[in-house]
């Protein structure tokens, strides 16, 4: 374990104030003993650096999928006071509202096992990879509406049903979106990409519910053993990336303007209440809404294909939930015994609101929010539920995935795309991707064990296991 870190509980560690100069609060991260052995020192340094930022509340936090990122570590969470705190693109990421959603079907494993035509059909139906363009090219006016209304725009344009909105975090829309703060270049990149799957770790998977851990929660979420589901993992595409790039330049200037001292320029930020901070937040919210609309459009395409191929009804494929991973949001949390509005940054972390949270659909109020944790191509994904412990300890946050342990460059040196596809097929997993190099970049071996990561958050209590889902068909971007 890295020197200077204190173990303060089972799967819980503290980075004390003073680990780097200027820390205002301790760092706190959740990690098993074995995962701690492969913790990157750079990611730990980033966690400590976040603790130096003005207005940070309680702790700089990291989940067990922690690894080195831009600014914040991936897996990082931090909340800031609205009056004294800052907002930072480094705490959100370039792929604004990269997120994941899960739909269920009435199918069982025997219906889809070995169906290469299903995997090929999905690959051709959903434009996939770098530069992928949609057949649903929207007008500039419609793009603005996507960024204002989010998933609701998609549903209003027949890419879904009203119930889908109830099963989205924020109902699929951040009301603070400001399209005026999104550049013409970002909009230009967004026009042809609605309904497309990005590259990198983004995917569309056909999965089967292979294990139920919490029967009442699974029933409330609409999950049952042996059931076929579809998981969609993607974000705001080129529009979000350009929005982050544009505002980083502005906020680097704002850091100097407001005399904010930081140990890393990648943490460039502005006071939440400043013109620069408000502009970034409005643009980020607009990009987040675009991402929700994008996932909703992909959902529609998947439902149409499954409906045609298996003769099942569109409404027989309900959305379990949709959660964001890379976002900053204004949320009310208990701070020093008082309910207080704060700005929560989640960078590669998932919201995990517990029972009774006001944003939850009434039918889930007693259970808690569905939390969807994707695996890594050949490994299991998981559904968990949010907890009161998360509300008290992590601003209602948990992990977002397995977390990388090998860079893409390292992966290319050690692995072959063809070998990976053959190995997965022997395990009953059919894979399609634009090229072999995509499979190498995202091979299961380049990630931590998703089982171990979710066991950490389950044991700590910041989310609780509900179901395991095993992949049988994977579309990679």
Protein backbone atom coordinates (compact mmCIF):
# COMPACT_ATOMS: atom_id res chain seq x y z
CA UNK A 1 0.00 0.00 0.00
CA UNK A 2 1.15 3.54 -0.73
CA UNK A 3 2.92 5.24 2.17
CA UNK A 4 1.07 7.91 4.14
CA UNK A 5 -2.43 6.41 3.78
CA UNK A 6 -4.44 5.33 6.81
CA UNK A 7 -6.75 2.35 6.88
CA UNK A 8 -9.84 3.37 8.84
CA UNK A 9 -12.18 0.42 8.31
CA UNK A 10 -13.00 -2.61 6.19
CA UNK A 11 -12.50 -1.52 2.57
CA UNK A 12 -12.07 2.10 3.68
CA UNK A 13 -8.97 4.30 3.58
CA UNK A 14 -8.13 7.91 4.38
CA UNK A 15 -5.70 10.34 2.76
CA UNK A 16 -4.88 12.70 5.66
CA UNK A 17 -4.77 16.46 5.31
CA UNK A 18 -1.18 17.31 4.50
CA UNK A 19 -0.63 14.44 2.06
CA UNK A 20 -0.30 17.26 -0.48
CA UNK A 21 0.04 20.94 0.49
CA UNK A 22 -3.17 22.95 0.72
CA UNK A 23 -5.65 20.15 1.43
CA UNK A 24 -8.81 21.55 3.03
CA UNK A 25 -10.41 18.18 3.86
CA UNK A 26 -9.23 14.55 4.03
CA UNK A 27 -9.48 12.20 1.07
CA UNK A 28 -11.58 9.08 1.56
CA UNK A 29 -11.69 6.07 -0.73
CA UNK A 30 -13.22 2.59 -0.70
CA UNK A 31 -11.05 -0.31 -1.81
CA UNK A 32 -10.47 -3.95 -0.92
CA UNK A 33 -7.06 -5.11 0.27
CA UNK A 34 -6.29 -6.79 -3.06
CA UNK A 35 -7.45 -3.83 -5.17
CA UNK A 36 -5.33 -1.55 -2.99
CA UNK A 37 -2.25 -3.41 -4.21
CA UNK A 38 -2.80 -2.12 -7.75
CA UNK A 39 -3.85 1.43 -6.84
CA UNK A 40 -2.05 3.97 -9.01
CA UNK A 41 -0.13 6.59 -7.06
CA UNK A 42 -1.16 9.16 -9.67
CA UNK A 43 -4.87 8.52 -8.99
CA UNK A 44 -4.26 8.93 -5.26
CA UNK A 45 -2.43 12.19 -5.91
CA UNK A 46 -5.42 13.40 -7.92
CA UNK A 47 -7.79 12.49 -5.08
CA UNK A 48 -5.65 14.56 -2.69
CA UNK A 49 -5.43 17.43 -5.19
CA UNK A 50 -9.23 17.65 -5.34
CA UNK A 51 -9.21 18.18 -1.56
CA UNK A 52 -7.40 21.51 -2.11
CA UNK A 53 -10.26 23.06 -4.10
CA UNK A 54 -12.23 25.99 -2.58
CA UNK A 55 -15.53 25.19 -0.90
CA UNK A 56 -15.14 21.40 -0.85
CA UNK A 57 -17.35 19.74 1.78
CA UNK A 58 -16.50 16.83 4.12
CA UNK A 59 -14.14 14.74 1.96
CA UNK A 60 -12.66 14.27 -1.46
CA UNK A 61 -14.10 10.84 -2.28
CA UNK A 62 -13.22 7.96 -4.60
CA UNK A 63 -14.97 4.70 -5.36
CA UNK A 64 -13.31 1.26 -5.80
CA UNK A 65 -13.06 1.74 -9.59
CA UNK A 66 -10.60 4.60 -8.93
CA UNK A 67 -7.96 5.12 -11.61
CA UNK A 68 -6.02 7.97 -13.13
CA UNK A 69 -8.08 10.48 -15.12
CA UNK A 70 -8.15 14.10 -16.25
CA UNK A 71 -8.26 16.41 -13.21
CA UNK A 72 -10.29 14.28 -10.81
CA UNK A 73 -9.47 10.59 -10.65
CA UNK A 74 -12.04 8.47 -12.44
CA UNK A 75 -14.28 7.21 -9.66
CA UNK A 76 -14.03 10.61 -7.93
CA UNK A 77 -16.83 12.42 -6.10
CA UNK A 78 -16.78 15.85 -4.48
CA UNK A 79 -19.46 18.23 -3.23
CA UNK A 80 -18.98 22.00 -3.07
CA UNK A 81 -20.78 24.75 -1.15
CA UNK A 82 -22.75 26.98 -3.50
CA UNK A 83 -21.50 30.25 -1.99
CA UNK A 84 -17.79 29.42 -1.61
CA UNK A 85 -17.32 26.44 -3.91
CA UNK A 86 -16.23 25.92 -7.49
CA UNK A 87 -17.30 23.96 -10.55
CA UNK A 88 -14.74 22.15 -12.68
CA UNK A 89 -14.85 20.25 -16.01
CA UNK A 90 -12.10 18.05 -14.54
CA UNK A 91 -14.73 16.80 -12.08
CA UNK A 92 -17.15 15.85 -14.86
CA UNK A 93 -15.02 14.65 -17.76
CA UNK A 94 -14.99 15.06 -21.52
CA UNK A 95 -17.82 12.60 -22.15
CA UNK A 96 -20.49 14.57 -20.32
CA UNK A 97 -23.25 12.27 -19.03
CA UNK A 98 -21.63 9.11 -20.15
CA UNK A 99 -24.22 6.85 -18.62
CA UNK A 100 -25.95 3.50 -18.74
CA UNK A 101 -29.50 2.20 -19.00
CA UNK A 102 -31.12 -1.21 -18.84
CA UNK A 103 -34.26 -2.50 -20.55
CA UNK A 104 -35.93 -5.84 -19.82
CA UNK A 105 -37.63 -8.20 -22.27
CA UNK A 106 -40.00 -11.18 -22.02
CA UNK A 107 -37.33 -13.35 -23.70
CA UNK A 108 -35.23 -16.03 -22.00
CA UNK A 109 -31.68 -17.17 -22.73
CA UNK A 110 -32.75 -20.04 -25.01
CA UNK A 111 -34.44 -17.51 -27.31
CA UNK A 112 -31.22 -15.63 -28.04
CA UNK A 113 -28.31 -18.03 -27.37
CA UNK A 114 -26.19 -18.43 -30.48
CA UNK A 115 -28.28 -15.94 -32.46
CA UNK A 116 -25.49 -14.28 -34.42
CA UNK A 117 -28.19 -12.63 -36.56
CA UNK A 118 -29.33 -10.72 -33.45
CA UNK A 119 -25.85 -9.36 -32.74
CA UNK A 120 -25.28 -8.54 -36.41
CA UNK A 121 -28.71 -6.91 -36.63
CA UNK A 122 -28.04 -4.65 -33.66
CA UNK A 123 -24.59 -3.78 -35.00
CA UNK A 124 -26.09 -2.63 -38.30
CA UNK A 125 -29.13 -0.92 -36.75
CA UNK A 126 -27.20 1.26 -34.26
CA UNK A 127 -24.40 3.34 -35.87
CA UNK A 128 -21.28 2.53 -33.89
CA UNK A 129 -17.77 3.85 -33.29
CA UNK A 130 -15.69 6.95 -34.02
CA UNK A 131 -17.41 9.18 -36.59
CA UNK A 132 -20.61 7.11 -36.59
CA UNK A 133 -23.50 9.10 -38.08
CA UNK A 134 -27.19 8.64 -37.49
CA UNK A 135 -29.93 8.27 -40.05
CA UNK A 136 -31.87 10.66 -37.80
CA UNK A 137 -29.93 13.82 -38.69
CA UNK A 138 -31.68 16.64 -36.86
CA UNK A 139 -32.11 20.31 -37.73
CA UNK A 140 -30.35 23.01 -35.69
CA UNK A 141 -33.72 23.83 -34.08
CA UNK A 142 -34.34 20.20 -33.15
CA UNK A 143 -30.81 19.93 -31.74
CA UNK A 144 -31.52 22.89 -29.44
CA UNK A 145 -34.70 21.14 -28.31
CA UNK A 146 -32.72 17.94 -27.61
CA UNK A 147 -30.35 19.94 -25.40
CA UNK A 148 -33.23 21.63 -23.56
CA UNK A 149 -35.63 18.69 -23.15
CA UNK A 150 -33.29 15.68 -23.10
CA UNK A 151 -35.02 12.29 -23.17
CA UNK A 152 -38.41 14.06 -23.30
CA UNK A 153 -37.54 15.41 -26.75
CA UNK A 154 -36.91 11.85 -27.91
CA UNK A 155 -40.18 10.55 -26.46
CA UNK A 156 -42.15 13.47 -27.95
CA UNK A 157 -40.62 12.55 -31.32
CA UNK A 158 -41.73 8.91 -31.06
CA UNK A 159 -38.44 7.45 -29.83
CA UNK A 160 -40.01 5.94 -26.73
CA UNK A 161 -42.94 6.03 -24.32
CA UNK A 162 -43.74 8.44 -21.44
CA UNK A 163 -42.97 5.78 -18.81
CA UNK A 164 -39.33 5.84 -19.94
CA UNK A 165 -38.94 9.36 -18.53
CA UNK A 166 -40.06 8.32 -15.05
CA UNK A 167 -37.30 5.71 -15.03
CA UNK A 168 -34.46 8.16 -15.79
CA UNK A 169 -32.28 10.04 -13.32
CA UNK A 170 -33.60 13.64 -13.33
CA UNK A 171 -36.39 12.26 -15.57
CA UNK A 172 -33.83 12.50 -18.36
CA UNK A 173 -33.46 16.26 -18.27
CA UNK A 174 -31.48 18.89 -16.37
CA UNK A 175 -33.59 22.03 -16.33
CA UNK A 176 -30.52 24.30 -16.05
CA UNK A 177 -29.46 23.67 -19.68
CA UNK A 178 -28.35 26.77 -21.58
CA UNK A 179 -27.91 26.14 -25.31
CA UNK A 180 -26.40 29.63 -25.75
CA UNK A 181 -23.35 28.41 -23.84
CA UNK A 182 -22.79 25.56 -26.32
CA UNK A 183 -20.49 26.55 -29.19
CA UNK A 184 -21.41 26.35 -32.88
CA UNK A 185 -18.66 23.74 -33.33
CA UNK A 186 -20.11 21.54 -30.57
CA UNK A 187 -23.57 21.81 -32.11
CA UNK A 188 -22.21 20.96 -35.53
CA UNK A 189 -20.66 17.79 -34.10
CA UNK A 190 -23.93 16.89 -32.38
CA UNK A 191 -26.29 17.21 -35.35
CA UNK A 192 -25.42 13.87 -37.02
CA UNK A 193 -24.76 11.80 -33.90
CA UNK A 194 -28.10 11.44 -32.12
CA UNK A 195 -28.87 7.73 -31.72
CA UNK A 196 -25.28 6.56 -32.16
CA UNK A 197 -22.95 4.51 -29.97
CA UNK A 198 -19.55 6.03 -29.21
CA UNK A 199 -16.14 4.39 -29.12
CA UNK A 200 -13.99 3.34 -26.16
CA UNK A 201 -15.83 1.61 -23.34
CA UNK A 202 -19.28 2.31 -24.78
CA UNK A 203 -21.36 -0.73 -25.66
CA UNK A 204 -24.72 -2.27 -26.33
CA UNK A 205 -25.11 -5.69 -24.71
CA UNK A 206 -27.64 -8.49 -24.75
CA UNK A 207 -27.49 -9.99 -21.26
CA UNK A 208 -29.25 -12.59 -19.17
CA UNK A 209 -30.13 -12.23 -15.48
CA UNK A 210 -27.93 -14.97 -14.07
CA UNK A 211 -28.33 -14.40 -10.31
CA UNK A 212 -30.73 -12.62 -7.98
CA UNK A 213 -29.38 -11.40 -4.63
CA UNK A 214 -32.33 -9.31 -3.40
CA UNK A 215 -35.67 -10.76 -4.50
CA UNK A 216 -37.96 -7.88 -3.36
CA UNK A 217 -35.76 -5.26 -5.04
CA UNK A 218 -35.43 -7.36 -8.21
CA UNK A 219 -39.20 -7.72 -8.39
CA UNK A 220 -39.67 -3.97 -7.93
CA UNK A 221 -37.14 -3.31 -10.71
CA UNK A 222 -38.84 -5.85 -13.02
CA UNK A 223 -35.95 -8.35 -13.03
CA UNK A 224 -36.25 -12.14 -12.84
CA UNK A 225 -33.76 -14.99 -13.17
CA UNK A 226 -33.15 -16.19 -16.73
CA UNK A 227 -34.60 -13.05 -18.28
CA UNK A 228 -32.93 -11.42 -21.31
CA UNK A 229 -32.11 -7.72 -20.94
CA UNK A 230 -30.37 -5.08 -23.02
CA UNK A 231 -27.85 -2.64 -21.54
CA UNK A 232 -26.82 0.57 -23.31
CA UNK A 233 -23.69 2.45 -22.24
CA UNK A 234 -22.84 5.73 -24.02
CA UNK A 235 -22.83 9.50 -23.61
CA UNK A 236 -22.94 12.86 -25.35
CA UNK A 237 -20.58 11.97 -28.21
CA UNK A 238 -18.71 14.78 -30.01
CA UNK A 239 -21.04 17.46 -28.69
CA UNK A 240 -20.10 16.74 -25.09
CA UNK A 241 -16.39 16.40 -25.81
CA UNK A 242 -16.31 19.72 -27.66
CA UNK A 243 -18.30 21.43 -24.90
CA UNK A 244 -15.77 20.31 -22.31
CA UNK A 245 -12.85 21.39 -24.52
CA UNK A 246 -14.38 24.83 -25.13
CA UNK A 247 -15.09 25.58 -21.48
CA UNK A 248 -11.79 24.25 -20.18
CA UNK A 249 -10.08 27.12 -22.00
CA UNK A 250 -12.44 29.63 -20.41
CA UNK A 251 -12.08 28.17 -16.94
CA UNK A 252 -8.29 28.10 -17.13
CA UNK A 253 -8.54 31.88 -17.46
CA UNK A 254 -11.14 32.06 -14.68
CA UNK A 255 -8.83 30.19 -12.31
CA UNK A 256 -6.33 33.03 -12.65
CA UNK A 257 -8.99 35.75 -12.68
CA UNK A 258 -10.43 34.64 -9.32
CA UNK A 259 -6.96 33.98 -7.81
CA UNK A 260 -7.64 30.27 -7.24
CA UNK A 261 -4.48 28.33 -6.41
CA UNK A 262 -4.47 24.72 -7.62
CA UNK A 263 -1.82 21.97 -7.65
CA UNK A 264 -2.92 20.79 -11.11
CA UNK A 265 -4.06 22.93 -14.04
CA UNK A 266 -6.40 20.09 -15.07
CA UNK A 267 -8.57 21.12 -12.10
CA UNK A 268 -9.30 24.49 -13.81
CA UNK A 269 -12.45 25.85 -12.24
CA UNK A 270 -14.54 28.91 -11.46
CA UNK A 271 -16.77 29.91 -8.56
CA UNK A 272 -20.18 28.29 -8.98
CA UNK A 273 -21.86 31.70 -8.85
CA UNK A 274 -19.49 33.40 -11.33
CA UNK A 275 -20.49 34.11 -14.95
CA UNK A 276 -17.91 31.55 -16.15
CA UNK A 277 -19.13 28.94 -13.69
CA UNK A 278 -22.77 29.47 -14.64
CA UNK A 279 -21.96 29.28 -18.35
CA UNK A 280 -20.09 26.01 -17.98
CA UNK A 281 -22.85 24.52 -15.84
CA UNK A 282 -25.50 25.53 -18.42
CA UNK A 283 -23.48 24.08 -21.29
CA UNK A 284 -22.72 20.90 -19.35
CA UNK A 285 -26.43 20.45 -18.57
CA UNK A 286 -27.28 20.91 -22.26
CA UNK A 287 -24.73 18.24 -23.22
CA UNK A 288 -26.10 15.94 -20.49
CA UNK A 289 -29.58 16.34 -21.96
CA UNK A 290 -28.25 15.48 -25.40
CA UNK A 291 -26.80 12.28 -23.93
CA UNK A 292 -30.16 11.29 -22.43
CA UNK A 293 -31.84 11.90 -25.78
CA UNK A 294 -29.10 9.84 -27.48
CA UNK A 295 -29.61 6.84 -25.18
CA UNK A 296 -33.36 7.12 -25.63
CA UNK A 297 -33.01 7.03 -29.42
CA UNK A 298 -30.79 3.94 -29.22
CA UNK A 299 -33.34 2.30 -26.92
CA UNK A 300 -36.03 2.87 -29.55
CA UNK A 301 -33.91 1.25 -32.27
CA UNK A 302 -33.20 -1.77 -30.06
CA UNK A 303 -36.88 -2.21 -29.21
CA UNK A 304 -37.86 -2.01 -32.87
CA UNK A 305 -35.35 -4.67 -33.88
CA UNK A 306 -36.22 -7.04 -31.02
CA UNK A 307 -39.93 -6.55 -31.66
CA UNK A 308 -39.53 -7.46 -35.33
CA UNK A 309 -37.12 -10.36 -34.78
CA UNK A 310 -38.94 -12.04 -31.87
CA UNK A 311 -42.49 -10.75 -32.36
CA UNK A 312 -42.72 -9.14 -28.96
CA UNK A 313 -44.49 -5.89 -28.16
CA UNK A 314 -42.64 -2.58 -27.88
CA UNK A 315 -44.19 -2.02 -24.46
CA UNK A 316 -43.00 -5.45 -23.30
CA UNK A 317 -39.47 -3.99 -23.08
CA UNK A 318 -39.67 -1.46 -20.22
CA UNK A 319 -36.76 0.66 -19.03
CA UNK A 320 -35.49 -0.36 -15.59
CA UNK A 321 -33.53 2.87 -15.11
CA UNK A 322 -31.02 5.25 -16.70
CA UNK A 323 -28.14 6.73 -14.67
CA UNK A 324 -25.45 9.30 -15.46
CA UNK A 325 -21.75 8.80 -14.69
CA UNK A 326 -20.02 12.07 -15.61
CA UNK A 327 -21.95 15.07 -14.37
CA UNK A 328 -22.15 17.92 -11.84
CA UNK A 329 -25.56 18.57 -10.30
CA UNK A 330 -27.21 20.76 -7.72
CA UNK A 331 -28.58 18.43 -5.05
CA UNK A 332 -29.87 18.75 -1.50
CA UNK A 333 -27.88 16.80 1.08
CA UNK A 334 -27.48 16.82 4.85
CA UNK A 335 -24.38 18.80 5.83
CA UNK A 336 -23.64 19.31 9.54
CA UNK A 337 -27.19 18.27 10.37
CA UNK A 338 -28.87 20.69 7.96
CA UNK A 339 -30.42 20.07 4.55
CA UNK A 340 -28.26 22.09 2.19
CA UNK A 341 -28.06 22.57 -1.58
CA UNK A 342 -24.59 21.64 -2.86
CA UNK A 343 -22.92 21.06 -6.22
CA UNK A 344 -21.98 17.37 -6.48
CA UNK A 345 -19.38 16.36 -9.06
CA UNK A 346 -19.42 12.69 -10.09
CA UNK A 347 -16.55 11.73 -12.38
CA UNK A 348 -16.91 8.07 -13.27
CA UNK A 349 -19.27 7.61 -10.34
CA UNK A 350 -22.97 6.80 -10.17
CA UNK A 351 -25.78 8.40 -8.22
CA UNK A 352 -27.13 5.93 -5.65
CA UNK A 353 -30.01 7.66 -3.86
CA UNK A 354 -31.55 5.70 -1.02
CA UNK A 355 -35.16 4.92 -0.08
CA UNK A 356 -37.41 7.96 0.21
CA UNK A 357 -35.36 10.21 -2.09
CA UNK A 358 -37.73 12.71 -3.72
CA UNK A 359 -36.48 12.05 -7.28
CA UNK A 360 -37.48 8.37 -7.27
CA UNK A 361 -40.63 6.97 -8.93
CA UNK A 362 -43.29 6.24 -6.27
CA UNK A 363 -43.11 2.48 -6.89
CA UNK A 364 -39.38 2.50 -6.02
CA UNK A 365 -39.53 4.88 -3.05
CA UNK A 366 -39.29 2.11 -0.45
CA UNK A 367 -36.50 0.25 -2.29
CA UNK A 368 -34.07 2.95 -3.38
CA UNK A 369 -32.73 3.98 -6.76
CA UNK A 370 -31.70 1.30 -9.25
CA UNK A 371 -27.91 1.50 -9.70
CA UNK A 372 -26.53 -0.02 -12.91
CA UNK A 373 -22.86 -1.04 -12.95
CA UNK A 374 -21.64 -2.30 -16.33
CA UNK A 375 -19.00 -4.98 -16.69
CA UNK A 376 -16.23 -5.10 -19.30
CA UNK A 377 -17.29 -7.02 -22.39
CA UNK A 378 -16.68 -10.56 -21.13
CA UNK A 379 -17.56 -9.95 -17.47
CA UNK A 380 -20.77 -9.60 -15.52
CA UNK A 381 -22.71 -6.38 -15.07
CA UNK A 382 -24.70 -5.71 -11.92
CA UNK A 383 -27.84 -4.00 -10.72
CA UNK A 384 -27.72 -2.63 -7.19
CA UNK A 385 -29.92 -0.30 -5.19
CA UNK A 386 -29.08 3.00 -3.53
CA UNK A 387 -28.95 3.26 0.25
CA UNK A 388 -29.31 5.66 3.13
CA UNK A 389 -25.66 4.95 3.93
CA UNK A 390 -24.70 6.43 0.56
CA UNK A 391 -26.78 9.52 1.33
CA UNK A 392 -24.95 9.97 4.62
CA UNK A 393 -21.40 9.12 3.52
CA UNK A 394 -20.91 9.72 -0.21
CA UNK A 395 -23.51 12.32 -1.19
CA UNK A 396 -25.61 9.50 -2.61
CA UNK A 397 -22.83 8.08 -4.81
CA UNK A 398 -21.25 4.74 -5.67
CA UNK A 399 -18.92 3.21 -8.30
CA UNK A 400 -19.63 3.31 -12.05
CA UNK A 401 -17.85 0.23 -13.42
CA UNK A 402 -14.81 -1.96 -13.08
CA UNK A 403 -12.06 0.64 -13.62
CA UNK A 404 -9.06 0.20 -15.94
CA UNK A 405 -5.79 -1.35 -14.78
CA UNK A 406 -4.08 -1.36 -18.18
CA UNK A 407 -3.70 1.51 -20.64
CA UNK A 408 -4.85 1.12 -24.25
CA UNK A 409 -1.20 1.25 -25.34
CA UNK A 410 -0.28 -1.61 -22.99
CA UNK A 411 -3.28 -3.63 -24.16
CA UNK A 412 -2.25 -3.36 -27.81
CA UNK A 413 1.17 -4.79 -26.97
CA UNK A 414 -0.19 -7.81 -25.13
CA UNK A 415 -3.45 -8.80 -26.78
CA UNK A 416 -4.97 -9.61 -30.19
CA UNK A 417 -8.52 -8.66 -31.18
CA UNK A 418 -9.09 -11.93 -33.04
CA UNK A 419 -7.91 -13.99 -30.06
CA UNK A 420 -10.16 -12.02 -27.71
CA UNK A 421 -13.22 -12.57 -29.93
CA UNK A 422 -12.47 -16.31 -30.19
CA UNK A 423 -11.96 -16.62 -26.43
CA UNK A 424 -15.25 -14.84 -25.73
CA UNK A 425 -17.10 -16.99 -28.24
CA UNK A 426 -15.86 -20.13 -26.43
CA UNK A 427 -17.54 -18.65 -23.35
CA UNK A 428 -20.78 -18.19 -25.29
CA UNK A 429 -20.35 -14.44 -25.87
CA UNK A 430 -20.75 -13.12 -29.41
CA UNK A 431 -18.97 -9.84 -30.17
CA UNK A 432 -19.15 -7.25 -32.94
CA UNK A 433 -17.00 -4.13 -33.21
CA UNK A 434 -15.90 -1.75 -36.00
CA UNK A 435 -12.39 -3.25 -35.88
CA UNK A 436 -10.12 -5.62 -33.92
CA UNK A 437 -8.29 -2.77 -32.21
CA UNK A 438 -11.53 -1.81 -30.37
CA UNK A 439 -11.68 -5.29 -28.86
CA UNK A 440 -8.05 -5.03 -27.72
CA UNK A 441 -8.66 -1.64 -26.06
CA UNK A 442 -11.63 -2.97 -24.09
CA UNK A 443 -10.65 -6.57 -23.37
CA UNK A 444 -11.77 -7.93 -19.97
CA UNK A 445 -8.14 -8.25 -18.83
CA UNK A 446 -7.55 -4.48 -18.98
CA UNK A 447 -10.11 -3.90 -16.20
CA UNK A 448 -10.42 -4.68 -12.54
CA UNK A 449 -12.81 -7.47 -11.56
CA UNK A 450 -16.34 -6.07 -11.68
CA UNK A 451 -17.30 -8.66 -9.04
CA UNK A 452 -14.73 -7.35 -6.60
CA UNK A 453 -15.59 -3.70 -7.24
CA UNK A 454 -19.31 -4.17 -6.56
CA UNK A 455 -18.58 -6.36 -3.54
CA UNK A 456 -16.66 -3.43 -2.03
CA UNK A 457 -19.57 -0.99 -2.37
CA UNK A 458 -22.00 -3.68 -1.17
CA UNK A 459 -19.91 -4.44 1.92
CA UNK A 460 -19.42 -0.74 2.73
CA UNK A 461 -23.17 -0.28 2.26
CA UNK A 462 -23.16 2.59 -0.24
CA UNK A 463 -25.18 0.39 -2.60
CA UNK A 464 -26.54 -3.11 -2.23
CA UNK A 465 -26.49 -5.98 -4.73
CA UNK A 466 -29.76 -6.86 -6.45
CA UNK A 467 -28.88 -8.91 -9.55
CA UNK A 468 -26.03 -10.16 -11.75
CA UNK A 469 -26.31 -9.98 -15.53
CA UNK A 470 -24.07 -12.06 -17.81
CA UNK A 471 -23.29 -10.99 -21.38
CA UNK A 472 -24.23 -13.17 -24.37
CA UNK A 473 -23.98 -10.61 -27.19
CA UNK A 474 -21.82 -7.48 -27.22
CA UNK A 475 -21.66 -4.53 -29.64
CA UNK A 476 -18.55 -2.43 -28.95
CA UNK A 477 -17.92 1.07 -30.27
